Amino acid sequence: MKEIAARFCIIEPEDIRHLLLTGEKVELTHRMRQFAASGRVEFSQEPDTGDNGTSWSQSFRAVVREPEIMEYQRRKTYIGVFRTDGSIFVIGSATETPVITVTPYENAFVVECSFDTAEPAII
């Protein structure tokens, strides 16, 4: 059974947008910056049905120790979440890029983003 692993990567828009448009499989490349969470990576998605149909509200949260994550504070970039089998699912869509929030906390950094999409992530 696939589960969410304790690591994720940051993916620049120019490196992934074409894959999201064509539906191709996303694989780790040397340009994707990997981070290991010091605990569990939290990902949730909830459906919201309105006048325009169903959308999915996704949220991501992880705590990391690497201060380099601060360079992504308030940046529009994609998050690739690793599954335990090594595959990746992406938070974001071909037309919209999530904004990453990084909050320093003692000797760690909390990385978060929220994103609304028409398609749910397949975990």
PDB file of N, CA and C in Angstrom:
ATOM      1  N   MET A   1       0.828  -1.181   0.000  1.00  0.00           N
ATOM      2  CA  MET A   1       0.000   0.000   0.000  1.00  0.00           C
ATOM      3  C   MET A   1       0.878   1.253   0.000  1.00  0.00           C
ATOM      4  N   LYS A   2       0.563   2.192  -0.854  1.00  0.00           N
ATOM      5  CA  LYS A   2       1.315   3.436  -0.928  1.00  0.00           C
ATOM      6  C   LYS A   2       0.886   4.354   0.219  1.00  0.00           C
ATOM      7  N   GLU A   3       1.881   4.970   0.832  1.00  0.00           N
ATOM      8  CA  GLU A   3       1.623   5.951   1.872  1.00  0.00           C
ATOM      9  C   GLU A   3       2.531   7.140   1.616  1.00  0.00           C
ATOM     10  N   ILE A   4       2.304   8.213   2.338  1.00  0.00           N
ATOM     11  CA  ILE A   4       3.131   9.400   2.198  1.00  0.00           C
ATOM     12  C   ILE A   4       4.424   9.188   2.973  1.00  0.00           C
ATOM     13  N   ALA A   5       5.549   9.456   2.314  1.00  0.00           N
ATOM     14  CA  ALA A   5       6.862   9.315   2.937  1.00  0.00           C
ATOM     15  C   ALA A   5       7.193  10.593   3.726  1.00  0.00           C
ATOM     16  N   ALA A   6       8.291  10.571   4.441  1.00  0.00           N
ATOM     17  CA  ALA A   6       8.695  11.711   5.278  1.00  0.00           C
ATOM     18  C   ALA A   6       9.642  12.641   4.523  1.00  0.00           C
ATOM     19  N   ARG A   7       9.417  12.818   3.243  1.00  0.00           N
ATOM     20  CA  ARG A   7      10.219  13.755   2.468  1.00  0.00           C
ATOM     21  C   ARG A   7       9.379  14.341   1.336  1.00  0.00           C
ATOM     22  N   PHE A   8       9.847  15.470   0.860  1.00  0.00           N
ATOM     23  CA  PHE A   8       9.170  16.165  -0.231  1.00  0.00           C
ATOM     24  C   PHE A   8      10.213  16.926  -1.027  1.00  0.00           C
ATOM     25  N   CYS A   9       9.798  17.477  -2.149  1.00  0.00           N
ATOM     26  CA  CYS A   9      10.713  18.278  -2.948  1.00  0.00           C
ATOM     27  C   CYS A   9      10.004  19.542  -3.423  1.00  0.00           C
ATOM     28  N   ILE A  10      10.805  20.533  -3.706  1.00  0.00           N
ATOM     29  CA  ILE A  10      10.322  21.787  -4.265  1.00  0.00           C
ATOM     30  C   ILE A  10      10.606  21.733  -5.766  1.00  0.00           C
ATOM     31  N   ILE A  11       9.594  22.039  -6.557  1.00  0.00           N
ATOM     32  CA  ILE A  11       9.724  21.960  -8.014  1.00  0.00           C
ATOM     33  C   ILE A  11       9.404  23.325  -8.616  1.00  0.00           C
ATOM     34  N   GLU A  12      10.360  23.856  -9.343  1.00  0.00           N
ATOM     35  CA  GLU A  12      10.162  25.156  -9.994  1.00  0.00           C
ATOM     36  C   GLU A  12       9.136  25.022 -11.119  1.00  0.00           C
ATOM     37  N   PRO A  13       8.302  26.029 -11.321  1.00  0.00           N
ATOM     38  CA  PRO A  13       7.246  25.953 -12.339  1.00  0.00           C
ATOM     39  C   PRO A  13       7.740  25.593 -13.733  1.00  0.00           C
ATOM     40  N   GLU A  14       8.860  26.150 -14.152  1.00  0.00           N
ATOM     41  CA  GLU A  14       9.351  25.867 -15.506  1.00  0.00           C
ATOM     42  C   GLU A  14       9.813  24.416 -15.677  1.00  0.00           C
ATOM     43  N   ASP A  15      10.062  23.722 -14.564  1.00  0.00           N
ATOM     44  CA  ASP A  15      10.513  22.329 -14.632  1.00  0.00           C
ATOM     45  C   ASP A  15       9.372  21.315 -14.666  1.00  0.00           C
ATOM     46  N   ILE A  16       8.144  21.758 -14.428  1.00  0.00           N
ATOM     47  CA  ILE A  16       7.064  20.780 -14.304  1.00  0.00           C
ATOM     48  C   ILE A  16       5.796  21.121 -15.076  1.00  0.00           C
ATOM     49  N   ARG A  17       5.591  22.360 -15.385  1.00  0.00           N
ATOM     50  CA  ARG A  17       4.316  22.765 -15.990  1.00  0.00           C
ATOM     51  C   ARG A  17       3.976  21.938 -17.222  1.00  0.00           C
ATOM     52  N   HIS A  18       4.952  21.638 -18.065  1.00  0.00           N
ATOM     53  CA  HIS A  18       4.693  20.843 -19.277  1.00  0.00           C
ATOM     54  C   HIS A  18       4.240  19.421 -18.915  1.00  0.00           C
ATOM     55  N   LEU A  19       4.767  18.856 -17.831  1.00  0.00           N
ATOM     56  CA  LEU A  19       4.339  17.518 -17.399  1.00  0.00           C
ATOM     57  C   LEU A  19       2.894  17.540 -16.904  1.00  0.00           C
ATOM     58  N   LEU A  20       2.541  18.601 -16.198  1.00  0.00           N
ATOM     59  CA  LEU A  20       1.172  18.713 -15.692  1.00  0.00           C
ATOM     60  C   LEU A  20       0.178  18.909 -16.839  1.00  0.00           C
ATOM     61  N   LEU A  21       0.586  19.619 -17.871  1.00  0.00           N
ATOM     62  CA  LEU A  21      -0.292  19.828 -19.031  1.00  0.00           C
ATOM     63  C   LEU A  21      -0.529  18.537 -19.801  1.00  0.00           C
ATOM     64  N   THR A  22       0.510  17.707 -19.916  1.00  0.00           N
ATOM     65  CA  THR A  22       0.395  16.482 -20.715  1.00  0.00           C
ATOM     66  C   THR A  22      -0.011  15.271 -19.879  1.00  0.00           C
ATOM     67  N   GLY A  23       0.030  15.400 -18.550  1.00  0.00           N
ATOM     68  CA  GLY A  23      -0.326  14.270 -17.698  1.00  0.00           C
ATOM     69  C   GLY A  23       0.778  13.238 -17.556  1.00  0.00           C
ATOM     70  N   GLU A  24       1.996  13.612 -17.941  1.00  0.00           N
ATOM     71  CA  GLU A  24       3.118  12.683 -17.826  1.00  0.00           C
ATOM     72  C   GLU A  24       3.491  12.446 -16.363  1.00  0.00           C
ATOM     73  N   LYS A  25       4.140  11.329 -16.127  1.00  0.00           N
ATOM     74  CA  LYS A  25       4.582  10.963 -14.790  1.00  0.00           C
ATOM     75  C   LYS A  25       5.688  11.907 -14.328  1.00  0.00           C
ATOM     76  N   VAL A  26       5.599  12.369 -13.100  1.00  0.00           N
ATOM     77  CA  VAL A  26       6.616  13.250 -12.529  1.00  0.00           C
ATOM     78  C   VAL A  26       7.648  12.387 -11.824  1.00  0.00           C
ATOM     79  N   GLU A  27       8.912  12.573 -12.210  1.00  0.00           N
ATOM     80  CA  GLU A  27      10.006  11.837 -11.591  1.00  0.00           C
ATOM     81  C   GLU A  27      11.038  12.822 -11.060  1.00  0.00           C
ATOM     82  N   LEU A  28      11.751  12.409 -10.039  1.00  0.00           N
ATOM     83  CA  LEU A  28      12.759  13.241  -9.405  1.00  0.00           C
ATOM     84  C   LEU A  28      13.893  13.547 -10.378  1.00  0.00           C
ATOM     85  N   THR A  29      14.281  14.819 -10.442  1.00  0.00           N
ATOM     86  CA  THR A  29      15.433  15.223 -11.249  1.00  0.00           C
ATOM     87  C   THR A  29      16.414  15.959 -10.346  1.00  0.00           C
ATOM     88  N   HIS A  30      17.601  16.207 -10.862  1.00  0.00           N
ATOM     89  CA  HIS A  30      18.626  16.900 -10.080  1.00  0.00           C
ATOM     90  C   HIS A  30      18.243  18.350  -9.774  1.00  0.00           C
ATOM     91  N   ARG A  31      17.314  18.910 -10.517  1.00  0.00           N
ATOM     92  CA  ARG A  31      16.894  20.303 -10.276  1.00  0.00           C
ATOM     93  C   ARG A  31      15.867  20.441  -9.159  1.00  0.00           C
ATOM     94  N   MET A  32      15.273  19.352  -8.750  1.00  0.00           N
ATOM     95  CA  MET A  32      14.279  19.392  -7.673  1.00  0.00           C
ATOM     96  C   MET A  32      14.995  19.335  -6.329  1.00  0.00           C
ATOM     97  N   ARG A  33      14.694  20.278  -5.476  1.00  0.00           N
ATOM     98  CA  ARG A  33      15.337  20.371  -4.170  1.00  0.00           C
ATOM     99  C   ARG A  33      14.586  19.499  -3.181  1.00  0.00           C
ATOM    100  N   GLN A  34      15.252  18.491  -2.623  1.00  0.00           N
ATOM    101  CA  GLN A  34      14.626  17.566  -1.671  1.00  0.00           C
ATOM    102  C   GLN A  34      14.827  18.026  -0.235  1.00  0.00           C
ATOM    103  N   PHE A  35      13.807  17.765   0.579  1.00  0.00           N
ATOM    104  CA  PHE A  35      13.882  18.051   2.009  1.00  0.00           C
ATOM    105  C   PHE A  35      13.321  16.859   2.770  1.00  0.00           C
ATOM    106  N   ALA A  36      13.949  16.554   3.898  1.00  0.00           N
ATOM    107  CA  ALA A  36      13.469  15.480   4.774  1.00  0.00           C
ATOM    108  C   ALA A  36      12.708  16.115   5.927  1.00  0.00           C
ATOM    109  N   ALA A  37      11.521  15.650   6.160  1.00  0.00           N
ATOM    110  CA  ALA A  37      10.722  16.153   7.280  1.00  0.00           C
ATOM    111  C   ALA A  37      11.247  15.538   8.572  1.00  0.00           C
ATOM    112  N   SER A  38      11.240  16.309   9.640  1.00  0.00           N
ATOM    113  CA  SER A  38      11.711  15.784  10.920  1.00  0.00           C
ATOM    114  C   SER A  38      10.632  14.953  11.609  1.00  0.00           C
ATOM    115  N   GLY A  39       9.465  14.935  11.049  1.00  0.00           N
ATOM    116  CA  GLY A  39       8.347  14.116  11.534  1.00  0.00           C
ATOM    117  C   GLY A  39       7.536  13.684  10.324  1.00  0.00           C
ATOM    118  N   ARG A  40       6.290  13.537  10.549  1.00  0.00           N
ATOM    119  CA  ARG A  40       5.389  13.150   9.467  1.00  0.00           C
ATOM    120  C   ARG A  40       5.074  14.308   8.537  1.00  0.00           C
ATOM    121  N   VAL A  41       4.995  14.036   7.247  1.00  0.00           N
ATOM    122  CA  VAL A  41       4.482  15.012   6.285  1.00  0.00           C
ATOM    123  C   VAL A  41       2.962  14.923   6.362  1.00  0.00           C
ATOM    124  N   GLU A  42       2.328  16.046   6.572  1.00  0.00           N
ATOM    125  CA  GLU A  42       0.871  16.057   6.667  1.00  0.00           C
ATOM    126  C   GLU A  42       0.275  16.569   5.366  1.00  0.00           C
ATOM    127  N   PHE A  43      -0.632  15.785   4.806  1.00  0.00           N
ATOM    128  CA  PHE A  43      -1.342  16.186   3.607  1.00  0.00           C
ATOM    129  C   PHE A  43      -2.800  15.806   3.790  1.00  0.00           C
ATOM    130  N   SER A  44      -3.679  16.740   3.490  1.00  0.00           N
ATOM    131  CA  SER A  44      -5.106  16.428   3.546  1.00  0.00           C
ATOM    132  C   SER A  44      -5.797  17.109   2.377  1.00  0.00           C
ATOM    133  N   GLN A  45      -6.934  16.546   2.010  1.00  0.00           N
ATOM    134  CA  GLN A  45      -7.751  17.165   0.969  1.00  0.00           C
ATOM    135  C   GLN A  45      -9.210  16.904   1.291  1.00  0.00           C
ATOM    136  N   GLU A  46      -9.988  17.932   1.114  1.00  0.00           N
ATOM    137  CA  GLU A  46     -11.410  17.865   1.424  1.00  0.00           C
ATOM    138  C   GLU A  46     -12.207  18.350   0.222  1.00  0.00           C
ATOM    139  N   PRO A  47     -13.283  17.646  -0.128  1.00  0.00           N
ATOM    140  CA  PRO A  47     -14.119  18.120  -1.235  1.00  0.00           C
ATOM    141  C   PRO A  47     -15.001  19.284  -0.794  1.00  0.00           C
ATOM    142  N   ASP A  48     -15.279  20.166  -1.735  1.00  0.00           N
ATOM    143  CA  ASP A  48     -16.179  21.288  -1.488  1.00  0.00           C
ATOM    144  C   ASP A  48     -17.076  21.411  -2.713  1.00  0.00           C
ATOM    145  N   THR A  49     -18.365  21.192  -2.526  1.00  0.00           N
ATOM    146  CA  THR A  49     -19.309  21.250  -3.630  1.00  0.00           C
ATOM    147  C   THR A  49     -20.028  22.588  -3.613  1.00  0.00           C
ATOM    148  N   GLY A  50     -19.980  23.273  -4.756  1.00  0.00           N
ATOM    149  CA  GLY A  50     -20.628  24.571  -4.887  1.00  0.00           C
ATOM    150  C   GLY A  50     -21.338  24.682  -6.217  1.00  0.00           C
ATOM    151  N   ASP A  51     -21.668  25.904  -6.609  1.00  0.00           N
ATOM    152  CA  ASP A  51     -22.368  26.154  -7.867  1.00  0.00           C
ATOM    153  C   ASP A  51     -21.570  25.688  -9.085  1.00  0.00           C
ATOM    154  N   ASN A  52     -20.259  25.701  -8.987  1.00  0.00           N
ATOM    155  CA  ASN A  52     -19.404  25.309 -10.116  1.00  0.00           C
ATOM    156  C   ASN A  52     -18.984  23.843 -10.061  1.00  0.00           C
ATOM    157  N   GLY A  53     -19.614  23.053  -9.210  1.00  0.00           N
ATOM    158  CA  GLY A  53     -19.255  21.643  -9.093  1.00  0.00           C
ATOM    159  C   GLY A  53     -18.389  21.396  -7.873  1.00  0.00           C
ATOM    160  N   THR A  54     -17.641  20.320  -7.906  1.00  0.00           N
ATOM    161  CA  THR A  54     -16.806  19.937  -6.771  1.00  0.00           C
ATOM    162  C   THR A  54     -15.367  20.383  -6.992  1.00  0.00           C
ATOM    163  N   SER A  55     -14.802  20.998  -5.974  1.00  0.00           N
ATOM    164  CA  SER A  55     -13.380  21.321  -5.974  1.00  0.00           C
ATOM    165  C   SER A  55     -12.776  20.660  -4.742  1.00  0.00           C
ATOM    166  N   TRP A  56     -11.461  20.612  -4.703  1.00  0.00           N
ATOM    167  CA  TRP A  56     -10.753  19.954  -3.603  1.00  0.00           C
ATOM    168  C   TRP A  56      -9.820  20.952  -2.953  1.00  0.00           C
ATOM    169  N   SER A  57      -9.958  21.089  -1.658  1.00  0.00           N
ATOM    170  CA  SER A  57      -9.079  21.955  -0.886  1.00  0.00           C
ATOM    171  C   SER A  57      -7.973  21.084  -0.304  1.00  0.00           C
ATOM    172  N   GLN A  58      -6.749  21.334  -0.734  1.00  0.00           N
ATOM    173  CA  GLN A  58      -5.605  20.544  -0.288  1.00  0.00           C
ATOM    174  C   GLN A  58      -4.750  21.366   0.666  1.00  0.00           C
ATOM    175  N   SER A  59      -4.184  20.704   1.655  1.00  0.00           N
ATOM    176  CA  SER A  59      -3.241  21.391   2.540  1.00  0.00           C
ATOM    177  C   SER A  59      -2.058  20.481   2.819  1.00  0.00           C
ATOM    178  N   PHE A  60      -0.899  21.107   2.910  1.00  0.00           N
ATOM    179  CA  PHE A  60       0.371  20.419   3.117  1.00  0.00           C
ATOM    180  C   PHE A  60       1.079  21.083   4.286  1.00  0.00           C
ATOM    181  N   ARG A  61       1.739  20.257   5.103  1.00  0.00           N
ATOM    182  CA  ARG A  61       2.517  20.785   6.225  1.00  0.00           C
ATOM    183  C   ARG A  61       3.638  19.809   6.546  1.00  0.00           C
ATOM    184  N   ALA A  62       4.833  20.353   6.725  1.00  0.00           N
ATOM    185  CA  ALA A  62       5.979  19.545   7.126  1.00  0.00           C
ATOM    186  C   ALA A  62       6.926  20.425   7.942  1.00  0.00           C
ATOM    187  N   VAL A  63       7.675  19.800   8.817  1.00  0.00           N
ATOM    188  CA  VAL A  63       8.680  20.500   9.609  1.00  0.00           C
ATOM    189  C   VAL A  63      10.043  19.986   9.165  1.00  0.00           C
ATOM    190  N   VAL A  64      10.937  20.919   8.822  1.00  0.00           N
ATOM    191  CA  VAL A  64      12.288  20.548   8.390  1.00  0.00           C
ATOM    192  C   VAL A  64      13.322  21.291   9.230  1.00  0.00           C
ATOM    193  N   ARG A  65      14.530  20.788   9.223  1.00  0.00           N
ATOM    194  CA  ARG A  65      15.632  21.398   9.980  1.00  0.00           C
ATOM    195  C   ARG A  65      16.539  22.264   9.102  1.00  0.00           C
ATOM    196  N   GLU A  66      16.489  22.079   7.779  1.00  0.00           N
ATOM    197  CA  GLU A  66      17.388  22.801   6.874  1.00  0.00           C
ATOM    198  C   GLU A  66      16.966  24.261   6.702  1.00  0.00           C
ATOM    199  N   PRO A  67      17.827  25.204   7.100  1.00  0.00           N
ATOM    200  CA  PRO A  67      17.481  26.624   6.949  1.00  0.00           C
ATOM    201  C   PRO A  67      17.346  27.065   5.492  1.00  0.00           C
ATOM    202  N   GLU A  68      17.869  26.279   4.543  1.00  0.00           N
ATOM    203  CA  GLU A  68      17.768  26.619   3.117  1.00  0.00           C
ATOM    204  C   GLU A  68      16.316  26.705   2.653  1.00  0.00           C
ATOM    205  N   ILE A  69      15.418  26.101   3.379  1.00  0.00           N
ATOM    206  CA  ILE A  69      13.997  26.151   3.003  1.00  0.00           C
ATOM    207  C   ILE A  69      13.466  27.593   3.020  1.00  0.00           C
ATOM    208  N   MET A  70      14.119  28.468   3.791  1.00  0.00           N
ATOM    209  CA  MET A  70      13.654  29.857   3.887  1.00  0.00           C
ATOM    210  C   MET A  70      13.675  30.588   2.543  1.00  0.00           C
ATOM    211  N   GLU A  71      14.500  30.146   1.602  1.00  0.00           N
ATOM    212  CA  GLU A  71      14.530  30.822   0.306  1.00  0.00           C
ATOM    213  C   GLU A  71      13.217  30.655  -0.470  1.00  0.00           C
ATOM    214  N   TYR A  72      12.360  29.732  -0.019  1.00  0.00           N
ATOM    215  CA  TYR A  72      11.079  29.502  -0.687  1.00  0.00           C
ATOM    216  C   TYR A  72       9.917  30.225  -0.007  1.00  0.00           C
ATOM    217  N   GLN A  73      10.188  30.968   1.034  1.00  0.00           N
ATOM    218  CA  GLN A  73       9.143  31.711   1.738  1.00  0.00           C
ATOM    219  C   GLN A  73       8.417  32.647   0.783  1.00  0.00           C
ATOM    220  N   ARG A  74       7.104  32.489   0.723  1.00  0.00           N
ATOM    221  CA  ARG A  74       6.212  33.314  -0.117  1.00  0.00           C
ATOM    222  C   ARG A  74       6.499  33.195  -1.609  1.00  0.00           C
ATOM    223  N   ARG A  75       7.092  32.103  -2.029  1.00  0.00           N
ATOM    224  CA  ARG A  75       7.343  31.891  -3.452  1.00  0.00           C
ATOM    225  C   ARG A  75       6.277  31.003  -4.050  1.00  0.00           C
ATOM    226  N   LYS A  76       5.983  31.252  -5.320  1.00  0.00           N
ATOM    227  CA  LYS A  76       5.077  30.382  -6.070  1.00  0.00           C
ATOM    228  C   LYS A  76       5.907  29.242  -6.629  1.00  0.00           C
ATOM    229  N   THR A  77       5.670  28.062  -6.108  1.00  0.00           N
ATOM    230  CA  THR A  77       6.397  26.885  -6.552  1.00  0.00           C
ATOM    231  C   THR A  77       5.576  25.646  -6.222  1.00  0.00           C
ATOM    232  N   TYR A  78       5.888  24.560  -6.852  1.00  0.00           N
ATOM    233  CA  TYR A  78       5.158  23.310  -6.627  1.00  0.00           C
ATOM    234  C   TYR A  78       5.833  22.490  -5.538  1.00  0.00           C
ATOM    235  N   ILE A  79       5.035  21.690  -4.859  1.00  0.00           N
ATOM    236  CA  ILE A  79       5.571  20.743  -3.888  1.00  0.00           C
ATOM    237  C   ILE A  79       5.302  19.344  -4.414  1.00  0.00           C
ATOM    238  N   GLY A  80       6.359  18.562  -4.485  1.00  0.00           N
ATOM    239  CA  GLY A  80       6.242  17.154  -4.844  1.00  0.00           C
ATOM    240  C   GLY A  80       6.302  16.337  -3.569  1.00  0.00           C
ATOM    241  N   VAL A  81       5.268  15.579  -3.298  1.00  0.00           N
ATOM    242  CA  VAL A  81       5.204  14.762  -2.080  1.00  0.00           C
ATOM    243  C   VAL A  81       5.536  13.324  -2.471  1.00  0.00           C
ATOM    244  N   PHE A  82       6.527  12.758  -1.801  1.00  0.00           N
ATOM    245  CA  PHE A  82       6.934  11.391  -2.103  1.00  0.00           C
ATOM    246  C   PHE A  82       6.013  10.383  -1.433  1.00  0.00           C
ATOM    247  N   ARG A  83       5.738   9.321  -2.166  1.00  0.00           N
ATOM    248  CA  ARG A  83       5.052   8.169  -1.595  1.00  0.00           C
ATOM    249  C   ARG A  83       6.127   7.171  -1.152  1.00  0.00           C
ATOM    250  N   THR A  84       5.750   6.215  -0.332  1.00  0.00           N
ATOM    251  CA  THR A  84       6.715   5.238   0.167  1.00  0.00           C
ATOM    252  C   THR A  84       7.281   4.356  -0.944  1.00  0.00           C
ATOM    253  N   ASP A  85       6.613   4.275  -2.099  1.00  0.00           N
ATOM    254  CA  ASP A  85       7.154   3.487  -3.206  1.00  0.00           C
ATOM    255  C   ASP A  85       8.092   4.310  -4.103  1.00  0.00           C
ATOM    256  N   GLY A  86       8.366   5.567  -3.719  1.00  0.00           N
ATOM    257  CA  GLY A  86       9.274   6.420  -4.471  1.00  0.00           C
ATOM    258  C   GLY A  86       8.611   7.306  -5.497  1.00  0.00           C
ATOM    259  N   SER A  87       7.339   7.087  -5.787  1.00  0.00           N
ATOM    260  CA  SER A  87       6.634   7.929  -6.752  1.00  0.00           C
ATOM    261  C   SER A  87       6.293   9.275  -6.095  1.00  0.00           C
ATOM    262  N   ILE A  88       5.904  10.225  -6.923  1.00  0.00           N
ATOM    263  CA  ILE A  88       5.646  11.593  -6.466  1.00  0.00           C
ATOM    264  C   ILE A  88       4.263  12.031  -6.909  1.00  0.00           C
ATOM    265  N   PHE A  89       3.524  12.690  -5.998  1.00  0.00           N
ATOM    266  CA  PHE A  89       2.340  13.420  -6.441  1.00  0.00           C
ATOM    267  C   PHE A  89       2.585  14.895  -6.169  1.00  0.00           C
ATOM    268  N   VAL A  90       1.989  15.733  -7.001  1.00  0.00           N
ATOM    269  CA  VAL A  90       2.301  17.155  -7.002  1.00  0.00           C
ATOM    270  C   VAL A  90       1.133  17.967  -6.472  1.00  0.00           C
ATOM    271  N   ILE A  91       1.457  18.943  -5.631  1.00  0.00           N
ATOM    272  CA  ILE A  91       0.464  19.912  -5.178  1.00  0.00           C
ATOM    273  C   ILE A  91       0.587  21.111  -6.104  1.00  0.00           C
ATOM    274  N   GLY A  92      -0.479  21.395  -6.833  1.00  0.00           N
ATOM    275  CA  GLY A  92      -0.501  22.463  -7.816  1.00  0.00           C
ATOM    276  C   GLY A  92      -1.113  21.938  -9.109  1.00  0.00           C
ATOM    277  N   SER A  93      -1.388  22.829 -10.035  1.00  0.00           N
ATOM    278  CA  SER A  93      -1.957  22.430 -11.322  1.00  0.00           C
ATOM    279  C   SER A  93      -1.203  23.133 -12.443  1.00  0.00           C
ATOM    280  N   ALA A  94      -1.483  22.747 -13.668  1.00  0.00           N
ATOM    281  CA  ALA A  94      -0.809  23.353 -14.817  1.00  0.00           C
ATOM    282  C   ALA A  94      -1.127  24.836 -14.944  1.00  0.00           C
ATOM    283  N   THR A  95      -2.277  25.257 -14.439  1.00  0.00           N
ATOM    284  CA  THR A  95      -2.676  26.659 -14.580  1.00  0.00           C
ATOM    285  C   THR A  95      -2.454  27.500 -13.329  1.00  0.00           C
ATOM    286  N   GLU A  96      -2.260  26.844 -12.178  1.00  0.00           N
ATOM    287  CA  GLU A  96      -2.059  27.592 -10.938  1.00  0.00           C
ATOM    288  C   GLU A  96      -0.951  26.963 -10.106  1.00  0.00           C
ATOM    289  N   THR A  97      -0.151  27.836  -9.502  1.00  0.00           N
ATOM    290  CA  THR A  97       0.973  27.404  -8.683  1.00  0.00           C
ATOM    291  C   THR A  97       0.725  27.832  -7.234  1.00  0.00           C
ATOM    292  N   PRO A  98       0.883  26.910  -6.283  1.00  0.00           N
ATOM    293  CA  PRO A  98       0.669  27.287  -4.879  1.00  0.00           C
ATOM    294  C   PRO A  98       1.758  28.228  -4.362  1.00  0.00           C
ATOM    295  N   VAL A  99       1.434  28.967  -3.330  1.00  0.00           N
ATOM    296  CA  VAL A  99       2.388  29.831  -2.648  1.00  0.00           C
ATOM    297  C   VAL A  99       2.833  29.109  -1.375  1.00  0.00           C
ATOM    298  N   ILE A 100       4.134  28.998  -1.196  1.00  0.00           N
ATOM    299  CA  ILE A 100       4.708  28.301  -0.047  1.00  0.00           C
ATOM    300  C   ILE A 100       4.892  29.290   1.100  1.00  0.00           C
ATOM    301  N   THR A 101       4.567  28.863   2.306  1.00  0.00           N
ATOM    302  CA  THR A 101       4.809  29.652   3.510  1.00  0.00           C
ATOM    303  C   THR A 101       5.791  28.884   4.386  1.00  0.00           C
ATOM    304  N   VAL A 102       6.841  29.574   4.831  1.00  0.00           N
ATOM    305  CA  VAL A 102       7.832  28.960   5.711  1.00  0.00           C
ATOM    306  C   VAL A 102       7.913  29.795   6.980  1.00  0.00           C
ATOM    307  N   THR A 103       7.711  29.146   8.119  1.00  0.00           N
ATOM    308  CA  THR A 103       7.736  29.834   9.406  1.00  0.00           C
ATOM    309  C   THR A 103       8.853  29.252  10.267  1.00  0.00           C
ATOM    310  N   PRO A 104       9.850  30.088  10.646  1.00  0.00           N
ATOM    311  CA  PRO A 104      10.892  29.592  11.535  1.00  0.00           C
ATOM    312  C   PRO A 104      10.304  29.339  12.927  1.00  0.00           C
ATOM    313  N   TYR A 105      10.751  28.256  13.560  1.00  0.00           N
ATOM    314  CA  TYR A 105      10.281  27.930  14.904  1.00  0.00           C
ATOM    315  C   TYR A 105      11.411  27.224  15.640  1.00  0.00           C
ATOM    316  N   GLU A 106      12.020  27.912  16.601  1.00  0.00           N
ATOM    317  CA  GLU A 106      13.162  27.398  17.346  1.00  0.00           C
ATOM    318  C   GLU A 106      14.220  26.882  16.374  1.00  0.00           C
ATOM    319  N   ASN A 107      14.560  25.603  16.376  1.00  0.00           N
ATOM    320  CA  ASN A 107      15.587  25.056  15.483  1.00  0.00           C
ATOM    321  C   ASN A 107      14.988  24.352  14.278  1.00  0.00           C
ATOM    322  N   ALA A 108      13.793  24.746  13.885  1.00  0.00           N
ATOM    323  CA  ALA A 108      13.115  24.080  12.776  1.00  0.00           C
ATOM    324  C   ALA A 108      12.348  25.111  11.951  1.00  0.00           C
ATOM    325  N   PHE A 109      11.800  24.633  10.831  1.00  0.00           N
ATOM    326  CA  PHE A 109      11.041  25.483   9.926  1.00  0.00           C
ATOM    327  C   PHE A 109       9.775  24.742   9.513  1.00  0.00           C
ATOM    328  N   VAL A 110       8.636  25.405   9.657  1.00  0.00           N
ATOM    329  CA  VAL A 110       7.358  24.810   9.278  1.00  0.00           C
ATOM    330  C   VAL A 110       7.040  25.255   7.852  1.00  0.00           C
ATOM    331  N   VAL A 111       6.877  24.282   6.971  1.00  0.00           N
ATOM    332  CA  VAL A 111       6.584  24.543   5.562  1.00  0.00           C
ATOM    333  C   VAL A 111       5.118  24.198   5.335  1.00  0.00           C
ATOM    334  N   GLU A 112       4.364  25.141   4.759  1.00  0.00           N
ATOM    335  CA  GLU A 112       2.927  24.926   4.555  1.00  0.00           C
ATOM    336  C   GLU A 112       2.489  25.494   3.217  1.00  0.00           C
ATOM    337  N   CYS A 113       1.426  24.932   2.702  1.00  0.00           N
ATOM    338  CA  CYS A 113       0.716  25.537   1.577  1.00  0.00           C
ATOM    339  C   CYS A 113      -0.701  24.977   1.545  1.00  0.00           C
ATOM    340  N   SER A 114      -1.586  25.775   1.015  1.00  0.00           N
ATOM    341  CA  SER A 114      -2.971  25.372   0.778  1.00  0.00           C
ATOM    342  C   SER A 114      -3.260  25.635  -0.689  1.00  0.00           C
ATOM    343  N   PHE A 115      -4.081  24.766  -1.268  1.00  0.00           N
ATOM    344  CA  PHE A 115      -4.327  24.883  -2.700  1.00  0.00           C
ATOM    345  C   PHE A 115      -5.698  24.317  -3.010  1.00  0.00           C
ATOM    346  N   ASP A 116      -6.451  25.010  -3.844  1.00  0.00           N
ATOM    347  CA  ASP A 116      -7.755  24.523  -4.306  1.00  0.00           C
ATOM    348  C   ASP A 116      -7.607  24.061  -5.750  1.00  0.00           C
ATOM    349  N   THR A 117      -8.146  22.888  -6.041  1.00  0.00           N
ATOM    350  CA  THR A 117      -8.008  22.312  -7.374  1.00  0.00           C
ATOM    351  C   THR A 117      -9.285  21.577  -7.782  1.00  0.00           C
ATOM    352  N   ALA A 118      -9.468  21.406  -9.066  1.00  0.00           N
ATOM    353  CA  ALA A 118     -10.644  20.699  -9.571  1.00  0.00           C
ATOM    354  C   ALA A 118     -10.475  19.189  -9.475  1.00  0.00           C
ATOM    355  N   GLU A 119      -9.244  18.724  -9.384  1.00  0.00           N
ATOM    356  CA  GLU A 119      -8.952  17.280  -9.333  1.00  0.00           C
ATOM    357  C   GLU A 119      -8.287  16.910  -8.018  1.00  0.00           C
ATOM    358  N   PRO A 120      -8.716  15.853  -7.378  1.00  0.00           N
ATOM    359  CA  PRO A 120      -8.059  15.432  -6.150  1.00  0.00           C
ATOM    360  C   PRO A 120      -6.699  14.784  -6.453  1.00  0.00           C
ATOM    361  N   ALA A 121      -5.795  14.872  -5.492  1.00  0.00           N
ATOM    362  CA  ALA A 121      -4.514  14.157  -5.607  1.00  0.00           C
ATOM    363  C   ALA A 121      -4.779  12.687  -5.330  1.00  0.00           C
ATOM    364  N   ILE A 122      -4.138  11.823  -6.078  1.00  0.00           N
ATOM    365  CA  ILE A 122      -4.265  10.391  -5.861  1.00  0.00           C
ATOM    366  C   ILE A 122      -3.074   9.956  -5.025  1.00  0.00           C
ATOM    367  N   ILE A 123      -3.361   9.601  -3.795  1.00  0.00           N
ATOM    368  CA  ILE A 123      -2.284   9.220  -2.873  1.00  0.00           C
ATOM    369  C   ILE A 123      -2.038   7.751  -3.044  1.00  0.00           C
TER     370      ILE A 123
END
